[in-house]
């Protein structure tokens, strides 16, 4: 990979004396595709954090979860994950519709305590469109056949541009506990209600993005 990363990070590497260390990381740890170990790792994961921004650079970070392997590896250059029914805001999808750049972070808190960064470009695909993909993995076809609350509303396809490790030293080792998932529910109790009391004050503030003219 020729000179990966942003100009900003390169300038700071030189300023803070980490240039050589960063170059070693780029050379030994960063790929422009998913290797076999990364593909197997993703196939075990039940969660991913995604970062997106709109055309003006306003950022949003969000959580996606599902059954193990809900983020599907289409091939070494492409991932696909379902969008389930949520709160209807569609902040992440709205950003993607304006700006396709996406950052994904997978974290294994229960076994290896290793993380994986995947950066690339995202595209919104409807269910009927993805059915027509050539060589569609059986796992995706199985998810498309699901009915009820876990039925996908649409899909995100990610074209991989960077893939690299997040070291384990600060990732906590957690214990898994069973939790009943209420797929697609609008039940406020199951969703957590007004946990942070934002609605109780009666003066919830608009975000900077929603306040734009």
Foldseek 3Di string as FASTA:
>chain_A
DPPDDDPVVCVVCVVVVNNVVVVVCCVPFKDQWADPVNQVVQQQFFKKKKWFAAPVRHIDIDMDGDHRRQFPDQDRFKIKHFAFADPPPCPVVNRLVGFFWMWMKTADQAPPLKIKIWIFGKDKFALVRLVPDPPGDPVVVVQCPDDDLSRGRTMMMGGTGMMGMDDRPPRHRDDDDDDDDDRNDPPCVNVVHPVVCQPVVVCRDDDPVVPDD
